[in-house]
N, C-alpha and C. Protein backbone atom coordinates (compact mmCIF):
# COMPACT_ATOMS: atom_id res chain seq x y z
N UNK A 1 -3.74 -2.35 -19.01
CA UNK A 1 -2.46 -2.66 -18.38
C UNK A 1 -2.07 -4.07 -18.80
N UNK A 2 -0.85 -4.23 -19.25
CA UNK A 2 -0.34 -5.52 -19.68
C UNK A 2 -0.02 -6.40 -18.47
N UNK A 3 0.20 -7.67 -18.74
CA UNK A 3 0.50 -8.62 -17.67
C UNK A 3 1.76 -8.21 -16.91
N UNK A 4 2.78 -7.77 -17.64
CA UNK A 4 4.02 -7.35 -16.98
C UNK A 4 3.78 -6.14 -16.08
N UNK A 5 2.96 -5.21 -16.53
CA UNK A 5 2.63 -4.03 -15.71
C UNK A 5 1.84 -4.41 -14.48
N UNK A 6 0.95 -5.37 -14.62
CA UNK A 6 0.16 -5.84 -13.48
C UNK A 6 1.05 -6.56 -12.47
N UNK A 7 1.97 -7.38 -12.97
CA UNK A 7 2.89 -8.09 -12.06
C UNK A 7 3.79 -7.09 -11.33
N UNK A 8 4.25 -6.07 -12.05
CA UNK A 8 5.09 -5.05 -11.41
C UNK A 8 4.29 -4.28 -10.36
N UNK A 9 3.01 -4.02 -10.63
CA UNK A 9 2.18 -3.32 -9.66
C UNK A 9 1.97 -4.15 -8.40
N UNK A 10 1.84 -5.45 -8.55
CA UNK A 10 1.66 -6.33 -7.38
C UNK A 10 2.94 -6.37 -6.55
N UNK A 11 4.10 -6.47 -7.21
CA UNK A 11 5.37 -6.49 -6.48
C UNK A 11 5.59 -5.14 -5.80
N UNK A 12 5.37 -4.06 -6.53
CA UNK A 12 5.50 -2.72 -5.94
C UNK A 12 4.52 -2.54 -4.79
N UNK A 13 3.31 -3.05 -4.95
CA UNK A 13 2.32 -2.97 -3.87
C UNK A 13 2.76 -3.70 -2.63
N UNK A 14 3.41 -4.85 -2.80
CA UNK A 14 3.91 -5.60 -1.64
C UNK A 14 4.98 -4.79 -0.91
N UNK A 15 5.88 -4.18 -1.67
CA UNK A 15 6.93 -3.36 -1.07
C UNK A 15 6.32 -2.15 -0.35
N UNK A 16 5.35 -1.52 -1.00
CA UNK A 16 4.68 -0.36 -0.40
C UNK A 16 3.92 -0.77 0.86
N UNK A 17 3.31 -1.95 0.86
CA UNK A 17 2.64 -2.45 2.06
C UNK A 17 3.59 -2.64 3.22
N UNK A 18 4.77 -3.17 2.94
CA UNK A 18 5.78 -3.35 3.99
C UNK A 18 6.23 -1.99 4.52
N UNK A 19 6.44 -1.02 3.61
CA UNK A 19 6.79 0.33 4.06
C UNK A 19 5.68 0.93 4.92
N UNK A 20 4.45 0.72 4.49
CA UNK A 20 3.32 1.22 5.28
C UNK A 20 3.26 0.59 6.65
N UNK A 21 3.57 -0.70 6.72
CA UNK A 21 3.56 -1.39 8.01
C UNK A 21 4.66 -0.88 8.93
N UNK A 22 5.80 -0.56 8.35
CA UNK A 22 6.90 -0.02 9.16
C UNK A 22 6.59 1.37 9.70
N UNK A 23 5.83 2.15 8.95
CA UNK A 23 5.55 3.53 9.33
C UNK A 23 4.27 3.69 10.15
N UNK A 24 3.38 2.71 10.12
CA UNK A 24 2.10 2.83 10.81
C UNK A 24 2.20 2.30 12.24
N UNK A 25 1.61 3.00 13.18
CA UNK A 25 1.56 2.49 14.56
C UNK A 25 0.50 1.41 14.71
N UNK A 26 0.56 0.62 15.77
CA UNK A 26 -0.44 -0.39 16.11
C UNK A 26 -0.67 -1.40 15.00
N UNK A 27 0.39 -1.97 14.48
CA UNK A 27 0.27 -2.87 13.36
C UNK A 27 0.63 -4.31 13.72
N UNK A 28 0.86 -4.59 14.97
CA UNK A 28 1.38 -5.89 15.38
C UNK A 28 0.43 -7.04 15.09
N UNK A 29 -0.86 -6.79 15.11
CA UNK A 29 -1.82 -7.88 15.01
C UNK A 29 -2.16 -8.26 13.57
N UNK A 30 -1.62 -7.56 12.60
CA UNK A 30 -1.93 -7.82 11.20
C UNK A 30 -1.08 -8.96 10.63
N UNK A 31 -1.70 -9.88 9.90
CA UNK A 31 -0.89 -10.88 9.21
C UNK A 31 -0.18 -10.26 8.00
N UNK A 32 0.87 -10.90 7.56
CA UNK A 32 1.67 -10.37 6.46
C UNK A 32 0.85 -10.28 5.17
N UNK A 33 0.01 -11.28 4.91
CA UNK A 33 -0.77 -11.25 3.67
C UNK A 33 -1.71 -10.05 3.63
N UNK A 34 -2.20 -9.63 4.78
CA UNK A 34 -3.09 -8.46 4.82
C UNK A 34 -2.30 -7.17 4.61
N UNK A 35 -1.07 -7.13 5.10
CA UNK A 35 -0.19 -6.00 4.86
C UNK A 35 0.10 -5.85 3.36
N UNK A 36 0.40 -6.96 2.72
CA UNK A 36 0.67 -6.95 1.28
C UNK A 36 -0.58 -6.54 0.51
N UNK A 37 -1.73 -7.04 0.93
CA UNK A 37 -2.99 -6.66 0.27
C UNK A 37 -3.28 -5.17 0.40
N UNK A 38 -3.03 -4.61 1.57
CA UNK A 38 -3.23 -3.17 1.76
C UNK A 38 -2.26 -2.38 0.90
N UNK A 39 -1.05 -2.88 0.74
CA UNK A 39 -0.07 -2.22 -0.11
C UNK A 39 -0.44 -2.26 -1.58
N UNK A 40 -0.98 -3.38 -2.03
CA UNK A 40 -1.41 -3.49 -3.43
C UNK A 40 -2.57 -2.54 -3.71
N UNK A 41 -3.53 -2.50 -2.80
CA UNK A 41 -4.66 -1.57 -2.96
C UNK A 41 -4.15 -0.12 -2.96
N UNK A 42 -3.22 0.18 -2.07
CA UNK A 42 -2.66 1.54 -1.99
C UNK A 42 -1.89 1.89 -3.25
N UNK A 43 -1.19 0.92 -3.83
CA UNK A 43 -0.43 1.18 -5.05
C UNK A 43 -1.37 1.55 -6.20
N UNK A 44 -2.43 0.78 -6.36
CA UNK A 44 -3.39 1.09 -7.42
C UNK A 44 -4.12 2.40 -7.15
N UNK A 45 -4.54 2.61 -5.91
CA UNK A 45 -5.26 3.84 -5.58
C UNK A 45 -4.35 5.06 -5.71
N UNK A 46 -3.12 4.94 -5.27
CA UNK A 46 -2.18 6.05 -5.38
C UNK A 46 -1.88 6.40 -6.82
N UNK A 47 -1.73 5.39 -7.66
CA UNK A 47 -1.50 5.64 -9.08
C UNK A 47 -2.71 6.31 -9.71
N UNK A 48 -3.90 5.83 -9.38
CA UNK A 48 -5.12 6.42 -9.92
C UNK A 48 -5.30 7.87 -9.49
N UNK A 49 -5.06 8.14 -8.22
CA UNK A 49 -5.18 9.52 -7.74
C UNK A 49 -4.11 10.43 -8.33
N UNK A 50 -2.90 9.91 -8.48
CA UNK A 50 -1.83 10.72 -9.09
C UNK A 50 -2.17 11.05 -10.53
N UNK A 51 -2.74 10.11 -11.27
CA UNK A 51 -3.15 10.39 -12.64
C UNK A 51 -4.32 11.35 -12.67
N UNK A 52 -5.22 11.22 -11.74
CA UNK A 52 -6.38 12.10 -11.67
C UNK A 52 -5.96 13.55 -11.45
N UNK A 53 -4.96 13.76 -10.60
CA UNK A 53 -4.50 15.11 -10.29
C UNK A 53 -3.35 15.56 -11.17
N UNK A 54 -2.97 14.75 -12.16
CA UNK A 54 -1.90 15.13 -13.08
C UNK A 54 -0.51 15.07 -12.49
N UNK A 55 -0.30 14.25 -11.49
CA UNK A 55 1.01 14.13 -10.84
C UNK A 55 1.85 12.99 -11.39
N UNK A 56 1.25 12.12 -12.20
CA UNK A 56 1.97 10.96 -12.72
C UNK A 56 2.30 11.17 -14.19
N UNK A 57 3.51 10.80 -14.56
CA UNK A 57 3.92 10.87 -15.95
C UNK A 57 3.86 9.49 -16.58
N UNK A 58 4.68 9.28 -17.60
CA UNK A 58 4.70 7.98 -18.28
C UNK A 58 5.53 6.95 -17.53
N UNK A 59 6.51 7.40 -16.77
CA UNK A 59 7.37 6.49 -16.04
C UNK A 59 7.16 6.63 -14.54
N UNK A 60 8.25 6.45 -13.82
CA UNK A 60 8.21 6.56 -12.36
C UNK A 60 7.96 8.01 -11.96
N UNK A 61 7.15 8.20 -10.94
CA UNK A 61 6.83 9.54 -10.46
C UNK A 61 7.04 9.59 -8.95
N UNK A 62 7.82 10.58 -8.51
CA UNK A 62 8.06 10.75 -7.08
C UNK A 62 6.75 10.99 -6.35
N UNK A 63 5.90 11.85 -6.89
CA UNK A 63 4.65 12.21 -6.21
C UNK A 63 3.69 11.03 -6.15
N UNK A 64 3.64 10.23 -7.20
CA UNK A 64 2.78 9.05 -7.18
C UNK A 64 3.27 8.06 -6.13
N UNK A 65 4.58 7.87 -6.04
CA UNK A 65 5.13 6.95 -5.05
C UNK A 65 4.88 7.46 -3.63
N UNK A 66 5.06 8.74 -3.43
CA UNK A 66 4.79 9.33 -2.12
C UNK A 66 3.33 9.16 -1.73
N UNK A 67 2.44 9.36 -2.69
CA UNK A 67 1.01 9.17 -2.44
C UNK A 67 0.69 7.70 -2.15
N UNK A 68 1.33 6.79 -2.85
CA UNK A 68 1.13 5.36 -2.60
C UNK A 68 1.58 4.97 -1.20
N UNK A 69 2.72 5.44 -0.78
CA UNK A 69 3.21 5.11 0.57
C UNK A 69 2.30 5.72 1.63
N UNK A 70 1.87 6.95 1.41
CA UNK A 70 0.94 7.59 2.36
C UNK A 70 -0.36 6.78 2.47
N UNK A 71 -0.90 6.38 1.33
CA UNK A 71 -2.14 5.58 1.36
C UNK A 71 -1.91 4.21 2.00
N UNK A 72 -0.72 3.65 1.82
CA UNK A 72 -0.41 2.37 2.47
C UNK A 72 -0.36 2.52 3.98
N UNK A 73 0.24 3.61 4.46
CA UNK A 73 0.28 3.86 5.91
C UNK A 73 -1.13 4.00 6.45
N UNK A 74 -1.97 4.76 5.76
CA UNK A 74 -3.35 4.94 6.19
C UNK A 74 -4.09 3.61 6.14
N UNK A 75 -3.90 2.86 5.07
CA UNK A 75 -4.57 1.56 4.93
C UNK A 75 -4.16 0.57 5.99
N UNK A 76 -2.86 0.48 6.25
CA UNK A 76 -2.36 -0.44 7.29
C UNK A 76 -2.88 -0.01 8.66
N UNK A 77 -2.89 1.29 8.92
CA UNK A 77 -3.39 1.79 10.20
C UNK A 77 -4.88 1.43 10.37
N UNK A 78 -5.68 1.63 9.32
CA UNK A 78 -7.11 1.33 9.42
C UNK A 78 -7.38 -0.17 9.56
N UNK A 79 -6.67 -0.97 8.78
CA UNK A 79 -6.87 -2.42 8.87
C UNK A 79 -6.43 -2.92 10.24
N UNK A 80 -5.30 -2.42 10.76
CA UNK A 80 -4.83 -2.84 12.07
C UNK A 80 -5.79 -2.42 13.17
N UNK A 81 -6.47 -1.29 12.98
CA UNK A 81 -7.43 -0.83 13.99
C UNK A 81 -8.65 -1.74 14.05
N UNK A 82 -9.05 -2.29 12.91
CA UNK A 82 -10.26 -3.11 12.87
C UNK A 82 -9.98 -4.60 12.87
N UNK A 83 -8.74 -5.02 12.68
CA UNK A 83 -8.40 -6.45 12.68
C UNK A 83 -8.38 -6.94 14.13
N UNK A 84 -8.96 -8.13 14.38
CA UNK A 84 -8.99 -8.64 15.77
C UNK A 84 -7.57 -8.84 16.31
N UNK A 85 -7.42 -8.49 17.56
CA UNK A 85 -6.12 -8.60 18.22
C UNK A 85 -5.82 -10.06 18.54
N UNK A 86 -4.55 -10.41 18.43
CA UNK A 86 -4.13 -11.77 18.80
C UNK A 86 -4.03 -11.87 20.30
N UNK A 87 -4.45 -12.99 20.82
CA UNK A 87 -4.29 -13.22 22.26
C UNK A 87 -3.26 -14.33 22.44
N UNK A 88 -2.33 -14.12 23.31
CA UNK A 88 -1.30 -15.10 23.62
C UNK A 88 -1.65 -15.78 24.93
N UNK A 89 -1.98 -17.08 24.83
CA UNK A 89 -2.33 -17.78 26.07
C UNK A 89 -1.28 -18.76 26.48
């Protein structure tokens, strides 16, 4: 993967992380950087799984994007479940 492709994956991952945060319940206690990190991991994992199952082509793929968003929702939900809750004193 070239530098431009890697940069695009990071930006797309950040957007996917935000989408995952909007769709996942119980996400209030997560910091933004962790949301973006979960989105980046979901973007790479979703692309890998889409290629593994033959759902990704050479360009943009609806199924790969759908899989990425689904994995971001799952990732944000799992991280939010295990991330310590903020206490307001």
